[in-house]
Amino acid sequence: MRKARKNYSADEKVAILRRHLIDRVSVADLCDEHQIQPTLFYKWQAQFFENGAAAMQRKNADPQAPLKKTIGRLEEKLRRKNEVVAELLEQHLSLKKELGEP
């Protein structure tokens, strides 16, 4: 007979991880207690550490700030390219005048 799969909430997952990290309960004991596979525990742990930076960010931080920074950098790059193209075009026209080409 097959057991029904238990879906753990985010709070339950964090509580299990906290017991391992803070209370130093072994992974094997936690997995036996909650009837989960160790691979699932380590998957939760990896997700927890990958998303840890998001938890530490300020709440009022602009979520589009990285995009705005990228846009600003790309606009500056485009401005520099336009300056180079204008300079090359000016040199081209002056050379044509010197050579007497129409």
N, C-alpha and C. Protein backbone atom coordinates (compact mmCIF):
# COMPACT_ATOMS: atom_id res chain seq x y z
N MET A 1 0.84 -1.17 0.00
CA MET A 1 0.00 0.00 0.00
C MET A 1 0.89 1.24 0.00
N ARG A 2 0.54 2.18 -0.82
CA ARG A 2 1.33 3.39 -1.01
C ARG A 2 0.86 4.50 -0.08
N LYS A 3 1.83 5.22 0.50
CA LYS A 3 1.49 6.33 1.38
C LYS A 3 1.21 7.57 0.55
N ALA A 4 0.32 8.41 1.06
CA ALA A 4 0.03 9.67 0.38
C ALA A 4 1.22 10.60 0.55
N ARG A 5 1.52 11.33 -0.48
CA ARG A 5 2.65 12.27 -0.46
C ARG A 5 2.28 13.50 0.37
N LYS A 6 3.18 13.90 1.25
CA LYS A 6 2.95 15.08 2.08
C LYS A 6 3.62 16.27 1.41
N ASN A 7 2.87 17.34 1.27
CA ASN A 7 3.42 18.58 0.74
C ASN A 7 3.75 19.49 1.92
N TYR A 8 5.01 19.84 2.05
CA TYR A 8 5.45 20.70 3.14
C TYR A 8 5.39 22.16 2.70
N SER A 9 4.93 23.00 3.61
CA SER A 9 4.90 24.44 3.33
C SER A 9 6.31 24.99 3.45
N ALA A 10 6.49 26.21 3.00
CA ALA A 10 7.81 26.85 3.09
C ALA A 10 8.24 26.99 4.54
N ASP A 11 7.30 27.31 5.43
CA ASP A 11 7.63 27.45 6.85
C ASP A 11 8.06 26.12 7.45
N GLU A 12 7.40 25.04 7.06
CA GLU A 12 7.78 23.72 7.57
C GLU A 12 9.18 23.34 7.08
N LYS A 13 9.46 23.63 5.82
CA LYS A 13 10.79 23.32 5.28
C LYS A 13 11.88 24.09 6.02
N VAL A 14 11.63 25.37 6.26
CA VAL A 14 12.61 26.19 6.97
C VAL A 14 12.79 25.69 8.40
N ALA A 15 11.71 25.28 9.04
CA ALA A 15 11.81 24.76 10.40
C ALA A 15 12.66 23.49 10.44
N ILE A 16 12.50 22.63 9.46
CA ILE A 16 13.30 21.41 9.40
C ILE A 16 14.76 21.76 9.16
N LEU A 17 15.02 22.67 8.23
CA LEU A 17 16.40 23.09 7.96
C LEU A 17 17.01 23.76 9.18
N ARG A 18 16.24 24.55 9.88
CA ARG A 18 16.74 25.24 11.07
C ARG A 18 17.16 24.24 12.14
N ARG A 19 16.37 23.19 12.31
CA ARG A 19 16.73 22.18 13.31
C ARG A 19 18.07 21.54 12.98
N HIS A 20 18.33 21.36 11.69
CA HIS A 20 19.62 20.78 11.30
C HIS A 20 20.75 21.79 11.49
N LEU A 21 20.55 23.02 11.03
CA LEU A 21 21.63 24.01 11.05
C LEU A 21 21.90 24.59 12.43
N ILE A 22 20.87 24.84 13.21
CA ILE A 22 21.05 25.49 14.50
C ILE A 22 21.12 24.48 15.65
N ASP A 23 20.18 23.54 15.65
CA ASP A 23 20.12 22.57 16.74
C ASP A 23 21.04 21.37 16.52
N ARG A 24 21.65 21.31 15.35
CA ARG A 24 22.61 20.24 15.00
C ARG A 24 21.99 18.84 15.04
N VAL A 25 20.72 18.74 14.65
CA VAL A 25 20.07 17.44 14.52
C VAL A 25 20.55 16.83 13.21
N SER A 26 20.89 15.56 13.22
CA SER A 26 21.45 14.94 12.01
C SER A 26 20.39 14.85 10.91
N VAL A 27 20.88 14.82 9.69
CA VAL A 27 20.00 14.73 8.53
C VAL A 27 19.22 13.42 8.57
N ALA A 28 19.88 12.35 8.94
CA ALA A 28 19.22 11.04 8.99
C ALA A 28 18.06 11.05 9.98
N ASP A 29 18.28 11.65 11.16
CA ASP A 29 17.21 11.71 12.16
C ASP A 29 16.03 12.55 11.67
N LEU A 30 16.33 13.68 11.06
CA LEU A 30 15.26 14.54 10.54
C LEU A 30 14.47 13.84 9.44
N CYS A 31 15.19 13.17 8.55
CA CYS A 31 14.51 12.48 7.44
C CYS A 31 13.64 11.35 7.96
N ASP A 32 14.12 10.61 8.96
CA ASP A 32 13.30 9.55 9.55
C ASP A 32 12.07 10.13 10.25
N GLU A 33 12.27 11.20 10.97
CA GLU A 33 11.18 11.83 11.73
C GLU A 33 10.09 12.36 10.81
N HIS A 34 10.49 12.96 9.70
CA HIS A 34 9.52 13.59 8.79
C HIS A 34 9.20 12.72 7.57
N GLN A 35 9.78 11.55 7.53
CA GLN A 35 9.56 10.58 6.45
C GLN A 35 9.83 11.20 5.08
N ILE A 36 11.02 11.78 4.95
CA ILE A 36 11.45 12.33 3.67
C ILE A 36 12.78 11.71 3.29
N GLN A 37 13.10 11.77 2.03
CA GLN A 37 14.38 11.26 1.54
C GLN A 37 15.48 12.29 1.79
N PRO A 38 16.69 11.84 2.08
CA PRO A 38 17.80 12.79 2.27
C PRO A 38 18.03 13.67 1.05
N THR A 39 17.81 13.13 -0.14
CA THR A 39 18.00 13.95 -1.35
C THR A 39 17.03 15.13 -1.37
N LEU A 40 15.81 14.90 -0.89
CA LEU A 40 14.83 15.99 -0.81
C LEU A 40 15.29 17.04 0.20
N PHE A 41 15.81 16.59 1.33
CA PHE A 41 16.33 17.52 2.34
C PHE A 41 17.43 18.38 1.75
N TYR A 42 18.38 17.76 1.05
CA TYR A 42 19.49 18.52 0.48
C TYR A 42 19.02 19.45 -0.64
N LYS A 43 17.96 19.06 -1.35
CA LYS A 43 17.38 19.94 -2.37
C LYS A 43 16.80 21.19 -1.70
N TRP A 44 16.08 21.00 -0.60
CA TRP A 44 15.54 22.14 0.15
C TRP A 44 16.67 23.04 0.64
N GLN A 45 17.74 22.42 1.14
CA GLN A 45 18.86 23.18 1.67
C GLN A 45 19.51 24.02 0.57
N ALA A 46 19.66 23.44 -0.62
CA ALA A 46 20.25 24.18 -1.74
C ALA A 46 19.37 25.36 -2.14
N GLN A 47 18.06 25.14 -2.20
CA GLN A 47 17.13 26.22 -2.53
C GLN A 47 17.18 27.32 -1.47
N PHE A 48 17.29 26.92 -0.22
CA PHE A 48 17.34 27.87 0.88
C PHE A 48 18.55 28.79 0.75
N PHE A 49 19.71 28.21 0.46
CA PHE A 49 20.92 29.02 0.36
C PHE A 49 20.96 29.83 -0.94
N GLU A 50 20.40 29.31 -2.02
CA GLU A 50 20.37 30.05 -3.28
C GLU A 50 19.48 31.30 -3.17
N ASN A 51 18.39 31.18 -2.44
CA ASN A 51 17.45 32.29 -2.32
C ASN A 51 17.69 33.13 -1.08
N GLY A 52 18.75 32.86 -0.36
CA GLY A 52 19.04 33.61 0.86
C GLY A 52 19.30 35.08 0.60
N ALA A 53 19.92 35.40 -0.52
CA ALA A 53 20.23 36.80 -0.84
C ALA A 53 18.94 37.61 -1.01
N ALA A 54 17.92 37.01 -1.56
CA ALA A 54 16.65 37.71 -1.76
C ALA A 54 16.02 38.06 -0.41
N ALA A 55 16.20 37.21 0.57
CA ALA A 55 15.63 37.47 1.89
C ALA A 55 16.34 38.62 2.59
N MET A 56 17.60 38.86 2.24
CA MET A 56 18.38 39.90 2.89
C MET A 56 18.24 41.27 2.23
N GLN A 57 17.60 41.34 1.09
CA GLN A 57 17.45 42.62 0.39
C GLN A 57 16.46 43.50 1.12
N ARG A 58 16.66 44.81 0.97
CA ARG A 58 15.73 45.76 1.57
C ARG A 58 14.36 45.63 0.91
N LYS A 59 13.34 45.81 1.70
CA LYS A 59 11.97 45.68 1.19
C LYS A 59 11.63 46.79 0.20
N ASN A 60 12.17 47.99 0.41
CA ASN A 60 11.82 49.11 -0.45
C ASN A 60 12.77 49.26 -1.63
N ALA A 61 13.65 48.31 -1.82
CA ALA A 61 14.58 48.38 -2.96
C ALA A 61 13.80 48.26 -4.27
N ASP A 62 14.25 49.01 -5.25
CA ASP A 62 13.59 49.02 -6.55
C ASP A 62 13.89 47.71 -7.27
N PRO A 63 12.86 46.91 -7.58
CA PRO A 63 13.12 45.63 -8.25
C PRO A 63 13.65 45.80 -9.68
N GLN A 64 13.46 46.99 -10.25
CA GLN A 64 13.93 47.22 -11.62
C GLN A 64 15.26 47.94 -11.66
N ALA A 65 15.90 48.12 -10.51
CA ALA A 65 17.18 48.83 -10.46
C ALA A 65 18.25 48.17 -11.34
N PRO A 66 18.38 46.84 -11.32
CA PRO A 66 19.39 46.23 -12.20
C PRO A 66 19.09 46.49 -13.68
N LEU A 67 17.81 46.50 -14.04
CA LEU A 67 17.44 46.77 -15.43
C LEU A 67 17.77 48.21 -15.81
N LYS A 68 17.48 49.13 -14.91
CA LYS A 68 17.78 50.54 -15.17
C LYS A 68 19.28 50.75 -15.32
N LYS A 69 20.05 50.06 -14.50
CA LYS A 69 21.51 50.17 -14.58
C LYS A 69 22.01 49.65 -15.93
N THR A 70 21.46 48.52 -16.37
CA THR A 70 21.84 47.94 -17.66
C THR A 70 21.44 48.87 -18.80
N ILE A 71 20.25 49.43 -18.72
CA ILE A 71 19.79 50.36 -19.77
C ILE A 71 20.70 51.57 -19.84
N GLY A 72 21.07 52.12 -18.69
CA GLY A 72 21.97 53.27 -18.66
C GLY A 72 23.32 52.95 -19.27
N ARG A 73 23.85 51.77 -18.94
CA ARG A 73 25.14 51.35 -19.49
C ARG A 73 25.06 51.18 -21.01
N LEU A 74 23.98 50.58 -21.49
CA LEU A 74 23.81 50.38 -22.93
C LEU A 74 23.59 51.70 -23.67
N GLU A 75 22.87 52.63 -23.06
CA GLU A 75 22.67 53.94 -23.69
C GLU A 75 23.99 54.69 -23.81
N GLU A 76 24.85 54.59 -22.79
CA GLU A 76 26.17 55.23 -22.84
C GLU A 76 27.03 54.60 -23.94
N LYS A 77 26.95 53.29 -24.06
CA LYS A 77 27.70 52.59 -25.11
C LYS A 77 27.22 53.04 -26.49
N LEU A 78 25.91 53.17 -26.67
CA LEU A 78 25.34 53.62 -27.94
C LEU A 78 25.76 55.06 -28.24
N ARG A 79 25.79 55.92 -27.22
CA ARG A 79 26.22 57.31 -27.42
C ARG A 79 27.66 57.37 -27.90
N ARG A 80 28.54 56.55 -27.30
CA ARG A 80 29.95 56.53 -27.72
C ARG A 80 30.08 56.03 -29.15
N LYS A 81 29.30 55.02 -29.51
CA LYS A 81 29.35 54.51 -30.89
C LYS A 81 28.88 55.57 -31.88
N ASN A 82 27.83 56.30 -31.52
CA ASN A 82 27.33 57.36 -32.40
C ASN A 82 28.37 58.44 -32.60
N GLU A 83 29.12 58.77 -31.53
CA GLU A 83 30.19 59.76 -31.66
C GLU A 83 31.28 59.28 -32.61
N VAL A 84 31.64 58.01 -32.51
CA VAL A 84 32.67 57.44 -33.39
C VAL A 84 32.19 57.45 -34.84
N VAL A 85 30.94 57.08 -35.07
CA VAL A 85 30.39 57.07 -36.43
C VAL A 85 30.37 58.49 -37.00
N ALA A 86 29.99 59.47 -36.19
CA ALA A 86 29.96 60.86 -36.65
C ALA A 86 31.37 61.34 -37.00
N GLU A 87 32.35 60.98 -36.19
CA GLU A 87 33.73 61.37 -36.46
C GLU A 87 34.25 60.72 -37.74
N LEU A 88 33.94 59.44 -37.93
CA LEU A 88 34.37 58.75 -39.15
C LEU A 88 33.71 59.34 -40.39
N LEU A 89 32.44 59.69 -40.28
CA LEU A 89 31.73 60.29 -41.40
C LEU A 89 32.32 61.65 -41.75
N GLU A 90 32.68 62.43 -40.73
CA GLU A 90 33.31 63.73 -40.95
C GLU A 90 34.66 63.56 -41.66
N GLN A 91 35.45 62.59 -41.24
CA GLN A 91 36.74 62.33 -41.89
C GLN A 91 36.54 61.88 -43.33
N HIS A 92 35.54 61.06 -43.55
CA HIS A 92 35.25 60.56 -44.90
C HIS A 92 34.88 61.73 -45.83
N LEU A 93 34.03 62.62 -45.35
CA LEU A 93 33.62 63.77 -46.17
C LEU A 93 34.80 64.70 -46.46
N SER A 94 35.66 64.92 -45.47
CA SER A 94 36.81 65.80 -45.70
C SER A 94 37.78 65.17 -46.70
N LEU A 95 37.96 63.86 -46.66
CA LEU A 95 38.83 63.19 -47.63
C LEU A 95 38.24 63.26 -49.03
N LYS A 96 36.93 63.14 -49.14
CA LYS A 96 36.29 63.24 -50.46
C LYS A 96 36.49 64.63 -51.05
N LYS A 97 36.41 65.67 -50.20
CA LYS A 97 36.60 67.04 -50.67
C LYS A 97 38.04 67.25 -51.13
N GLU A 98 39.00 66.69 -50.37
CA GLU A 98 40.41 66.83 -50.73
C GLU A 98 40.71 66.16 -52.07
N LEU A 99 40.09 65.03 -52.30
CA LEU A 99 40.33 64.29 -53.54
C LEU A 99 39.50 64.82 -54.70
N GLY A 100 38.56 65.69 -54.41
CA GLY A 100 37.75 66.30 -55.46
C GLY A 100 36.64 65.40 -55.95
N GLU A 101 36.25 64.45 -55.15
CA GLU A 101 35.15 63.57 -55.56
C GLU A 101 33.83 64.23 -55.18
N PRO A 102 32.81 64.02 -56.02
CA PRO A 102 31.50 64.63 -55.74
C PRO A 102 30.77 63.98 -54.59
